[in-house]
Amino acid sequence: MSKTVTPFIASLVQFNTTLPFAEVIARLDVEVNKVASGGAKIRLVKNQQELESLVEETVGTDFLYFTEFSHHKLLKLADGIDRPGIVVYTIGNPLFGQPIMRCNPLAAFNIPPRLLVIDKPDGTGTTVSYHLPSSVMGVLVGENEPLLQVELKALDEKIEKLARKITSV
């Protein structure tokens, strides 16, 4: 047995907006096609063609909705206090993830990506945060690094486009 600890620096991207939390969430739900998303159905696909069909049928603007965790509700269970919204969305697109994981299997640790949506406690708006994919999915890459960097740059741009769209006033 051996143990390896590899420090790395991740980049946290944050978009602040004056839009209310509910509006940002509503926009995000539309962009990832939450209502009809096939995120849960992915477990049922048997081949690449079925996967591509599922993604094509249900993808929102580049991404599918997989799940969400409403942490503010979890906190309320502990002490009964209503808190501003804190929700983590797991979103993604398996067709983006496949080439990245081919280049770097460790990237699977952060695939699918997540967005954190926080209602500002002072009521002045919302913050949308995420880890920059290239900073967390590009760790410990060998000979496939040039290809991986192209894929990660594209994913960085797609997530930024989504964050800008749901936070723009």
N, C-alpha and C. Protein backbone atom coordinates (compact mmCIF):
# COMPACT_ATOMS: atom_id res chain seq x y z
N MET A 1 0.83 -1.17 0.00
CA MET A 1 0.00 0.00 0.00
C MET A 1 0.87 1.24 0.00
N SER A 2 0.42 2.23 -0.71
CA SER A 2 1.10 3.52 -0.67
C SER A 2 0.07 4.63 -0.67
N LYS A 3 0.48 5.76 -0.18
CA LYS A 3 -0.40 6.91 -0.13
C LYS A 3 0.31 8.08 -0.78
N THR A 4 -0.42 8.79 -1.62
CA THR A 4 0.13 9.98 -2.26
C THR A 4 -0.81 11.15 -1.99
N VAL A 5 -0.24 12.25 -1.62
CA VAL A 5 -1.01 13.48 -1.44
C VAL A 5 -0.45 14.50 -2.42
N THR A 6 -1.30 14.98 -3.30
CA THR A 6 -0.88 15.92 -4.32
C THR A 6 -1.62 17.24 -4.14
N PRO A 7 -0.93 18.26 -3.65
CA PRO A 7 -1.60 19.56 -3.53
C PRO A 7 -1.83 20.16 -4.91
N PHE A 8 -2.92 20.86 -5.06
CA PHE A 8 -3.15 21.60 -6.30
C PHE A 8 -3.97 22.83 -5.99
N ILE A 9 -3.92 23.78 -6.89
CA ILE A 9 -4.66 25.01 -6.70
C ILE A 9 -5.85 25.02 -7.64
N ALA A 10 -7.02 25.18 -7.07
CA ALA A 10 -8.24 25.27 -7.87
C ALA A 10 -8.67 26.73 -7.93
N SER A 11 -9.29 27.08 -9.03
CA SER A 11 -9.81 28.45 -9.19
C SER A 11 -11.31 28.45 -8.95
N LEU A 12 -11.76 29.35 -8.09
CA LEU A 12 -13.17 29.53 -7.81
C LEU A 12 -13.64 30.73 -8.61
N VAL A 13 -14.67 30.53 -9.43
CA VAL A 13 -15.24 31.60 -10.23
C VAL A 13 -16.56 32.01 -9.58
N GLN A 14 -16.77 33.32 -9.42
CA GLN A 14 -18.00 33.81 -8.82
C GLN A 14 -18.59 34.91 -9.67
N PHE A 15 -19.89 34.81 -9.88
CA PHE A 15 -20.65 35.85 -10.56
C PHE A 15 -21.64 36.41 -9.54
N ASN A 16 -21.58 37.70 -9.32
CA ASN A 16 -22.49 38.37 -8.40
C ASN A 16 -23.50 39.16 -9.22
N THR A 17 -24.75 39.09 -8.81
CA THR A 17 -25.81 39.79 -9.52
C THR A 17 -26.79 40.38 -8.53
N THR A 18 -27.49 41.40 -8.98
CA THR A 18 -28.55 41.98 -8.16
C THR A 18 -29.86 41.23 -8.34
N LEU A 19 -29.88 40.27 -9.25
CA LEU A 19 -31.10 39.48 -9.46
C LEU A 19 -31.44 38.69 -8.20
N PRO A 20 -32.72 38.55 -7.90
CA PRO A 20 -33.11 37.74 -6.74
C PRO A 20 -32.78 36.26 -6.96
N PHE A 21 -32.56 35.59 -5.86
CA PHE A 21 -32.24 34.16 -5.86
C PHE A 21 -33.24 33.35 -6.69
N ALA A 22 -34.53 33.59 -6.47
CA ALA A 22 -35.56 32.82 -7.18
C ALA A 22 -35.46 33.01 -8.69
N GLU A 23 -35.11 34.20 -9.13
CA GLU A 23 -34.97 34.48 -10.56
C GLU A 23 -33.76 33.73 -11.15
N VAL A 24 -32.66 33.73 -10.43
CA VAL A 24 -31.46 33.02 -10.90
C VAL A 24 -31.75 31.52 -10.99
N ILE A 25 -32.40 30.98 -9.97
CA ILE A 25 -32.76 29.56 -9.98
C ILE A 25 -33.71 29.26 -11.13
N ALA A 26 -34.70 30.10 -11.35
CA ALA A 26 -35.65 29.88 -12.45
C ALA A 26 -34.93 29.89 -13.80
N ARG A 27 -34.01 30.82 -13.98
CA ARG A 27 -33.23 30.87 -15.22
C ARG A 27 -32.37 29.62 -15.39
N LEU A 28 -31.74 29.21 -14.29
CA LEU A 28 -30.89 28.01 -14.35
C LEU A 28 -31.73 26.79 -14.71
N ASP A 29 -32.89 26.67 -14.10
CA ASP A 29 -33.78 25.54 -14.40
C ASP A 29 -34.11 25.47 -15.89
N VAL A 30 -34.34 26.61 -16.50
CA VAL A 30 -34.64 26.65 -17.94
C VAL A 30 -33.40 26.26 -18.75
N GLU A 31 -32.26 26.82 -18.39
CA GLU A 31 -31.04 26.60 -19.17
C GLU A 31 -30.57 25.15 -19.15
N VAL A 32 -30.85 24.43 -18.07
CA VAL A 32 -30.45 23.01 -17.99
C VAL A 32 -31.63 22.08 -18.25
N ASN A 33 -32.75 22.66 -18.68
CA ASN A 33 -33.95 21.89 -19.00
C ASN A 33 -34.32 20.94 -17.86
N LYS A 34 -34.42 21.52 -16.66
CA LYS A 34 -34.68 20.71 -15.46
C LYS A 34 -35.94 19.86 -15.59
N VAL A 35 -37.00 20.43 -16.16
CA VAL A 35 -38.28 19.74 -16.25
C VAL A 35 -38.16 18.43 -17.03
N ALA A 36 -37.44 18.44 -18.14
CA ALA A 36 -37.39 17.25 -19.00
C ALA A 36 -36.01 16.61 -19.05
N SER A 37 -35.12 17.03 -18.17
CA SER A 37 -33.74 16.56 -18.26
C SER A 37 -33.62 15.06 -18.09
N GLY A 38 -32.71 14.51 -18.83
CA GLY A 38 -32.50 13.07 -18.81
C GLY A 38 -31.38 12.62 -17.91
N GLY A 39 -30.96 13.50 -16.99
CA GLY A 39 -29.84 13.15 -16.12
C GLY A 39 -29.97 11.80 -15.44
N ALA A 40 -31.14 11.52 -14.88
CA ALA A 40 -31.34 10.24 -14.19
C ALA A 40 -31.45 9.08 -15.16
N LYS A 41 -31.88 9.36 -16.39
CA LYS A 41 -32.04 8.30 -17.39
C LYS A 41 -30.71 7.80 -17.93
N ILE A 42 -29.65 8.53 -17.69
CA ILE A 42 -28.34 8.14 -18.23
C ILE A 42 -27.93 6.76 -17.74
N ARG A 43 -28.33 6.42 -16.54
CA ARG A 43 -28.00 5.09 -16.00
C ARG A 43 -28.59 3.96 -16.83
N LEU A 44 -29.62 4.26 -17.61
CA LEU A 44 -30.33 3.23 -18.37
C LEU A 44 -29.81 3.03 -19.79
N VAL A 45 -28.96 3.94 -20.29
CA VAL A 45 -28.49 3.80 -21.66
C VAL A 45 -27.55 2.62 -21.79
N LYS A 46 -27.60 1.97 -22.97
CA LYS A 46 -26.80 0.76 -23.18
C LYS A 46 -25.66 0.94 -24.18
N ASN A 47 -25.67 2.04 -24.93
CA ASN A 47 -24.61 2.26 -25.90
C ASN A 47 -24.46 3.75 -26.19
N GLN A 48 -23.43 4.08 -26.94
CA GLN A 48 -23.14 5.49 -27.24
C GLN A 48 -24.27 6.15 -28.01
N GLN A 49 -24.87 5.43 -28.92
CA GLN A 49 -25.96 6.00 -29.72
C GLN A 49 -27.14 6.39 -28.82
N GLU A 50 -27.49 5.53 -27.87
CA GLU A 50 -28.58 5.86 -26.94
C GLU A 50 -28.21 7.08 -26.09
N LEU A 51 -26.95 7.14 -25.68
CA LEU A 51 -26.50 8.28 -24.89
C LEU A 51 -26.62 9.57 -25.69
N GLU A 52 -26.14 9.55 -26.92
CA GLU A 52 -26.21 10.74 -27.77
C GLU A 52 -27.65 11.16 -28.02
N SER A 53 -28.53 10.20 -28.23
CA SER A 53 -29.95 10.51 -28.44
C SER A 53 -30.56 11.14 -27.20
N LEU A 54 -30.26 10.58 -26.05
CA LEU A 54 -30.79 11.11 -24.79
C LEU A 54 -30.31 12.55 -24.58
N VAL A 55 -29.04 12.78 -24.80
CA VAL A 55 -28.50 14.12 -24.61
C VAL A 55 -29.15 15.08 -25.59
N GLU A 56 -29.25 14.69 -26.84
CA GLU A 56 -29.84 15.54 -27.87
C GLU A 56 -31.29 15.89 -27.54
N GLU A 57 -32.03 14.93 -27.02
CA GLU A 57 -33.45 15.14 -26.70
C GLU A 57 -33.66 16.03 -25.49
N THR A 58 -32.75 15.99 -24.54
CA THR A 58 -33.03 16.64 -23.26
C THR A 58 -32.09 17.76 -22.86
N VAL A 59 -30.99 17.94 -23.56
CA VAL A 59 -30.03 18.95 -23.13
C VAL A 59 -30.66 20.33 -23.18
N GLY A 60 -30.34 21.13 -22.18
CA GLY A 60 -30.77 22.52 -22.19
C GLY A 60 -29.79 23.28 -23.07
N THR A 61 -29.29 24.39 -22.58
CA THR A 61 -28.27 25.13 -23.31
C THR A 61 -26.92 24.52 -22.92
N ASP A 62 -26.51 23.53 -23.62
CA ASP A 62 -25.25 22.80 -23.43
C ASP A 62 -25.28 21.78 -22.29
N PHE A 63 -26.09 21.99 -21.26
CA PHE A 63 -26.01 21.15 -20.08
C PHE A 63 -27.34 20.49 -19.73
N LEU A 64 -27.23 19.34 -19.07
CA LEU A 64 -28.37 18.63 -18.50
C LEU A 64 -28.41 18.89 -17.00
N TYR A 65 -29.57 18.82 -16.45
CA TYR A 65 -29.77 18.87 -15.00
C TYR A 65 -29.63 17.44 -14.47
N PHE A 66 -28.83 17.27 -13.43
CA PHE A 66 -28.72 15.97 -12.79
C PHE A 66 -29.42 15.95 -11.44
N THR A 67 -29.03 16.89 -10.58
CA THR A 67 -29.63 16.92 -9.25
C THR A 67 -29.34 18.27 -8.59
N GLU A 68 -29.96 18.47 -7.46
CA GLU A 68 -29.68 19.67 -6.68
C GLU A 68 -29.77 19.33 -5.20
N PHE A 69 -29.03 20.08 -4.40
CA PHE A 69 -29.06 19.93 -2.95
C PHE A 69 -29.36 21.29 -2.35
N SER A 70 -30.47 21.39 -1.66
CA SER A 70 -30.88 22.64 -1.02
C SER A 70 -30.32 22.67 0.40
N HIS A 71 -29.14 23.18 0.54
CA HIS A 71 -28.46 23.17 1.83
C HIS A 71 -29.14 24.08 2.86
N HIS A 72 -29.80 25.14 2.40
CA HIS A 72 -30.49 26.01 3.36
C HIS A 72 -31.61 25.25 4.06
N LYS A 73 -32.22 24.30 3.37
CA LYS A 73 -33.27 23.48 4.00
C LYS A 73 -32.65 22.52 5.02
N LEU A 74 -31.50 21.99 4.69
CA LEU A 74 -30.78 21.10 5.61
C LEU A 74 -30.40 21.85 6.89
N LEU A 75 -29.93 23.07 6.72
CA LEU A 75 -29.57 23.87 7.90
C LEU A 75 -30.78 24.18 8.76
N LYS A 76 -31.92 24.42 8.12
CA LYS A 76 -33.15 24.72 8.88
C LYS A 76 -33.56 23.52 9.74
N LEU A 77 -33.31 22.31 9.25
CA LEU A 77 -33.63 21.12 10.03
C LEU A 77 -32.87 21.10 11.35
N ALA A 78 -31.66 21.64 11.34
CA ALA A 78 -30.82 21.62 12.53
C ALA A 78 -31.30 22.55 13.62
N ASP A 79 -31.80 23.73 13.23
CA ASP A 79 -32.14 24.70 14.26
C ASP A 79 -33.47 25.45 14.03
N GLY A 80 -34.19 25.11 12.95
CA GLY A 80 -35.48 25.73 12.69
C GLY A 80 -35.41 27.15 12.16
N ILE A 81 -34.23 27.65 11.88
CA ILE A 81 -34.07 29.03 11.41
C ILE A 81 -34.09 29.06 9.89
N ASP A 82 -34.94 29.92 9.33
CA ASP A 82 -34.94 30.14 7.88
C ASP A 82 -33.69 30.91 7.51
N ARG A 83 -33.00 30.42 6.50
CA ARG A 83 -31.78 31.08 6.03
C ARG A 83 -31.92 31.40 4.55
N PRO A 84 -31.09 32.32 4.07
CA PRO A 84 -31.08 32.58 2.64
C PRO A 84 -30.75 31.30 1.87
N GLY A 85 -31.20 31.24 0.63
CA GLY A 85 -31.00 30.04 -0.18
C GLY A 85 -29.54 29.70 -0.42
N ILE A 86 -29.25 28.42 -0.33
CA ILE A 86 -27.93 27.86 -0.67
C ILE A 86 -28.21 26.56 -1.39
N VAL A 87 -28.03 26.56 -2.71
CA VAL A 87 -28.36 25.38 -3.50
C VAL A 87 -27.18 25.01 -4.39
N VAL A 88 -26.84 23.73 -4.40
CA VAL A 88 -25.82 23.20 -5.30
C VAL A 88 -26.53 22.44 -6.40
N TYR A 89 -26.27 22.83 -7.63
CA TYR A 89 -26.79 22.13 -8.80
C TYR A 89 -25.68 21.28 -9.40
N THR A 90 -25.98 20.04 -9.68
CA THR A 90 -25.06 19.19 -10.44
C THR A 90 -25.61 19.17 -11.85
N ILE A 91 -24.78 19.65 -12.76
CA ILE A 91 -25.17 19.75 -14.17
C ILE A 91 -24.08 19.10 -15.01
N GLY A 92 -24.34 18.89 -16.26
CA GLY A 92 -23.27 18.38 -17.09
C GLY A 92 -23.77 17.96 -18.45
N ASN A 93 -22.85 17.42 -19.20
CA ASN A 93 -23.14 16.87 -20.51
C ASN A 93 -22.15 15.74 -20.71
N PRO A 94 -22.62 14.49 -20.73
CA PRO A 94 -21.71 13.35 -20.85
C PRO A 94 -20.83 13.43 -22.11
N LEU A 95 -21.34 14.09 -23.13
CA LEU A 95 -20.56 14.20 -24.36
C LEU A 95 -19.38 15.15 -24.19
N PHE A 96 -19.46 16.06 -23.24
CA PHE A 96 -18.30 16.90 -22.90
C PHE A 96 -17.35 16.13 -21.99
N GLY A 97 -17.93 15.36 -21.08
CA GLY A 97 -17.12 14.64 -20.10
C GLY A 97 -16.30 13.50 -20.68
N GLN A 98 -16.82 12.81 -21.68
CA GLN A 98 -16.13 11.65 -22.24
C GLN A 98 -14.71 11.96 -22.72
N PRO A 99 -14.51 12.96 -23.58
CA PRO A 99 -13.13 13.20 -24.05
C PRO A 99 -12.21 13.68 -22.93
N ILE A 100 -12.75 14.39 -21.97
CA ILE A 100 -11.93 14.86 -20.85
C ILE A 100 -11.46 13.67 -20.03
N MET A 101 -12.37 12.74 -19.72
CA MET A 101 -11.98 11.57 -18.91
C MET A 101 -11.07 10.61 -19.68
N ARG A 102 -11.19 10.59 -21.02
CA ARG A 102 -10.26 9.77 -21.80
C ARG A 102 -8.83 10.27 -21.63
N CYS A 103 -8.70 11.59 -21.57
CA CYS A 103 -7.38 12.20 -21.41
C CYS A 103 -6.89 12.12 -19.97
N ASN A 104 -7.81 12.23 -19.04
CA ASN A 104 -7.43 12.26 -17.62
C ASN A 104 -8.52 11.61 -16.77
N PRO A 105 -8.37 10.34 -16.46
CA PRO A 105 -9.38 9.66 -15.64
C PRO A 105 -9.63 10.33 -14.28
N LEU A 106 -8.65 11.03 -13.74
CA LEU A 106 -8.84 11.73 -12.47
C LEU A 106 -9.86 12.86 -12.58
N ALA A 107 -10.10 13.34 -13.79
CA ALA A 107 -11.09 14.40 -13.98
C ALA A 107 -12.48 13.93 -13.57
N ALA A 108 -12.71 12.63 -13.58
CA ALA A 108 -14.02 12.08 -13.22
C ALA A 108 -14.42 12.48 -11.81
N PHE A 109 -13.45 12.81 -10.99
CA PHE A 109 -13.75 13.25 -9.63
C PHE A 109 -14.61 14.51 -9.63
N ASN A 110 -14.49 15.34 -10.68
CA ASN A 110 -15.21 16.60 -10.77
C ASN A 110 -16.20 16.64 -11.93
N ILE A 111 -16.49 15.50 -12.49
CA ILE A 111 -17.47 15.40 -13.57
C ILE A 111 -18.65 14.61 -13.02
N PRO A 112 -19.85 15.11 -13.11
CA PRO A 112 -20.27 16.37 -13.71
C PRO A 112 -19.96 17.55 -12.80
N PRO A 113 -19.81 18.73 -13.41
CA PRO A 113 -19.52 19.93 -12.62
C PRO A 113 -20.73 20.37 -11.78
N ARG A 114 -20.46 21.28 -10.86
CA ARG A 114 -21.51 21.78 -9.97
C ARG A 114 -21.49 23.31 -9.96
N LEU A 115 -22.67 23.86 -9.76
CA LEU A 115 -22.82 25.30 -9.56
C LEU A 115 -23.40 25.51 -8.17
N LEU A 116 -22.88 26.48 -7.44
CA LEU A 116 -23.39 26.84 -6.13
C LEU A 116 -24.11 28.19 -6.27
N VAL A 117 -25.38 28.20 -5.91
CA VAL A 117 -26.18 29.43 -6.00
C VAL A 117 -26.53 29.85 -4.57
N ILE A 118 -26.10 31.05 -4.21
CA ILE A 118 -26.29 31.54 -2.84
C ILE A 118 -27.05 32.85 -2.86
N ASP A 119 -28.12 32.91 -2.10
CA ASP A 119 -28.89 34.13 -1.88
C ASP A 119 -28.09 35.00 -0.91
N LYS A 120 -27.76 36.19 -1.31
CA LYS A 120 -26.98 37.06 -0.42
C LYS A 120 -27.78 37.36 0.84
N PRO A 121 -27.18 37.18 2.01
CA PRO A 121 -27.90 37.36 3.27
C PRO A 121 -28.52 38.75 3.45
N ASP A 122 -27.92 39.75 2.82
CA ASP A 122 -28.45 41.11 2.97
C ASP A 122 -29.57 41.42 1.97
N GLY A 123 -29.94 40.43 1.15
CA GLY A 123 -31.04 40.59 0.22
C GLY A 123 -30.73 41.40 -1.03
N THR A 124 -29.46 41.63 -1.29
CA THR A 124 -29.07 42.48 -2.43
C THR A 124 -28.84 41.70 -3.72
N GLY A 125 -29.10 40.41 -3.72
CA GLY A 125 -28.90 39.64 -4.94
C GLY A 125 -28.43 38.23 -4.68
N THR A 126 -27.70 37.71 -5.66
CA THR A 126 -27.33 36.30 -5.67
C THR A 126 -25.89 36.15 -6.15
N THR A 127 -25.22 35.12 -5.64
CA THR A 127 -23.88 34.77 -6.12
C THR A 127 -23.94 33.36 -6.70
N VAL A 128 -23.38 33.20 -7.89
CA VAL A 128 -23.25 31.89 -8.53
C VAL A 128 -21.76 31.58 -8.59
N SER A 129 -21.38 30.43 -8.01
CA SER A 129 -19.97 30.05 -7.94
C SER A 129 -19.77 28.67 -8.53
N TYR A 130 -18.56 28.45 -9.05
CA TYR A 130 -18.18 27.12 -9.52
C TYR A 130 -16.66 27.03 -9.56
N HIS A 131 -16.17 25.82 -9.52
CA HIS A 131 -14.74 25.59 -9.71
C HIS A 131 -14.46 25.59 -11.20
N LEU A 132 -13.47 26.36 -11.61
CA LEU A 132 -13.10 26.42 -13.01
C LEU A 132 -12.68 25.02 -13.45
N PRO A 133 -13.38 24.44 -14.43
CA PRO A 133 -13.08 23.05 -14.81
C PRO A 133 -11.60 22.79 -15.10
N SER A 134 -10.97 23.69 -15.81
CA SER A 134 -9.56 23.46 -16.15
C SER A 134 -8.66 23.42 -14.92
N SER A 135 -9.10 24.03 -13.82
CA SER A 135 -8.27 24.03 -12.62
C SER A 135 -8.45 22.78 -11.77
N VAL A 136 -9.58 22.07 -11.92
CA VAL A 136 -9.79 20.87 -11.11
C VAL A 136 -9.77 19.58 -11.93
N MET A 137 -9.94 19.69 -13.23
CA MET A 137 -9.96 18.50 -14.08
C MET A 137 -8.65 18.28 -14.82
N GLY A 138 -7.72 19.20 -14.70
CA GLY A 138 -6.46 19.10 -15.41
C GLY A 138 -5.29 18.68 -14.54
N VAL A 139 -5.58 18.14 -13.37
CA VAL A 139 -4.53 17.75 -12.42
C VAL A 139 -3.91 16.41 -12.81
N LEU A 140 -2.59 16.33 -12.74
CA LEU A 140 -1.82 15.10 -13.00
C LEU A 140 -2.10 14.50 -14.38
N VAL A 141 -1.82 15.26 -15.40
CA VAL A 141 -2.04 14.81 -16.77
C VAL A 141 -0.70 14.47 -17.40
N GLY A 142 -0.68 13.43 -18.20
CA GLY A 142 0.54 13.03 -18.88
C GLY A 142 0.59 13.52 -20.31
N GLU A 143 0.79 12.58 -21.24
CA GLU A 143 0.99 12.93 -22.64
C GLU A 143 -0.25 13.50 -23.33
N ASN A 144 -1.41 13.35 -22.74
CA ASN A 144 -2.63 13.87 -23.35
C ASN A 144 -2.94 15.31 -22.97
N GLU A 145 -2.00 15.97 -22.32
CA GLU A 145 -2.29 17.31 -21.82
C GLU A 145 -2.71 18.30 -22.90
N PRO A 146 -2.08 18.37 -24.07
CA PRO A 146 -2.55 19.35 -25.07
C PRO A 146 -4.01 19.14 -25.48
N LEU A 147 -4.41 17.91 -25.70
CA LEU A 147 -5.81 17.63 -26.06
C LEU A 147 -6.73 17.99 -24.91
N LEU A 148 -6.34 17.62 -23.70
CA LEU A 148 -7.15 17.92 -22.52
C LEU A 148 -7.34 19.41 -22.36
N GLN A 149 -6.30 20.19 -22.56
CA GLN A 149 -6.41 21.64 -22.39
C GLN A 149 -7.41 22.24 -23.36
N VAL A 150 -7.48 21.72 -24.59
CA VAL A 150 -8.46 22.19 -25.57
C VAL A 150 -9.88 21.89 -25.06
N GLU A 151 -10.10 20.66 -24.60
CA GLU A 151 -11.42 20.26 -24.09
C GLU A 151 -11.81 21.07 -22.86
N LEU A 152 -10.86 21.27 -21.96
CA LEU A 152 -11.16 22.00 -20.73
C LEU A 152 -11.42 23.48 -21.00
N LYS A 153 -10.68 24.05 -21.92
CA LYS A 153 -10.93 25.46 -22.27
C LYS A 153 -12.35 25.61 -22.81
N ALA A 154 -12.78 24.67 -23.64
CA ALA A 154 -14.14 24.72 -24.18
C ALA A 154 -15.17 24.60 -23.06
N LEU A 155 -14.93 23.70 -22.09
CA LEU A 155 -15.85 23.54 -20.97
C LEU A 155 -15.85 24.78 -20.08
N ASP A 156 -14.68 25.35 -19.83
CA ASP A 156 -14.60 26.60 -19.07
C ASP A 156 -15.50 27.66 -19.71
N GLU A 157 -15.42 27.78 -21.02
CA GLU A 157 -16.19 28.78 -21.75
C GLU A 157 -17.69 28.50 -21.68
N LYS A 158 -18.09 27.24 -21.79
CA LYS A 158 -19.51 26.88 -21.75
C LYS A 158 -20.12 27.16 -20.38
N ILE A 159 -19.39 26.84 -19.33
CA ILE A 159 -19.91 27.09 -17.98
C ILE A 159 -19.97 28.60 -17.72
N GLU A 160 -18.96 29.32 -18.16
CA GLU A 160 -19.00 30.77 -17.98
C GLU A 160 -20.18 31.38 -18.74
N LYS A 161 -20.42 30.91 -19.95
CA LYS A 161 -21.56 31.41 -20.73
C LYS A 161 -22.87 31.17 -19.98
N LEU A 162 -23.03 29.98 -19.39
CA LEU A 162 -24.21 29.66 -18.60
C LEU A 162 -24.33 30.60 -17.40
N ALA A 163 -23.23 30.76 -16.66
CA ALA A 163 -23.26 31.62 -15.46
C ALA A 163 -23.60 33.05 -15.84
N ARG A 164 -23.04 33.54 -16.92
CA ARG A 164 -23.35 34.91 -17.35
C ARG A 164 -24.83 35.05 -17.73
N LYS A 165 -25.35 34.03 -18.41
CA LYS A 165 -26.74 34.09 -18.86
C LYS A 165 -27.72 34.13 -17.68
N ILE A 166 -27.45 33.33 -16.67
CA ILE A 166 -28.40 33.26 -15.56
C ILE A 166 -28.24 34.40 -14.56
N THR A 167 -27.12 35.16 -14.66
CA THR A 167 -26.91 36.26 -13.72
C THR A 167 -27.00 37.64 -14.35
N SER A 168 -27.09 37.70 -15.67
CA SER A 168 -27.09 39.03 -16.31
C SER A 168 -28.38 39.77 -16.01
N VAL A 169 -28.23 41.04 -15.74
CA VAL A 169 -29.37 41.91 -15.39
C VAL A 169 -29.95 42.50 -16.67
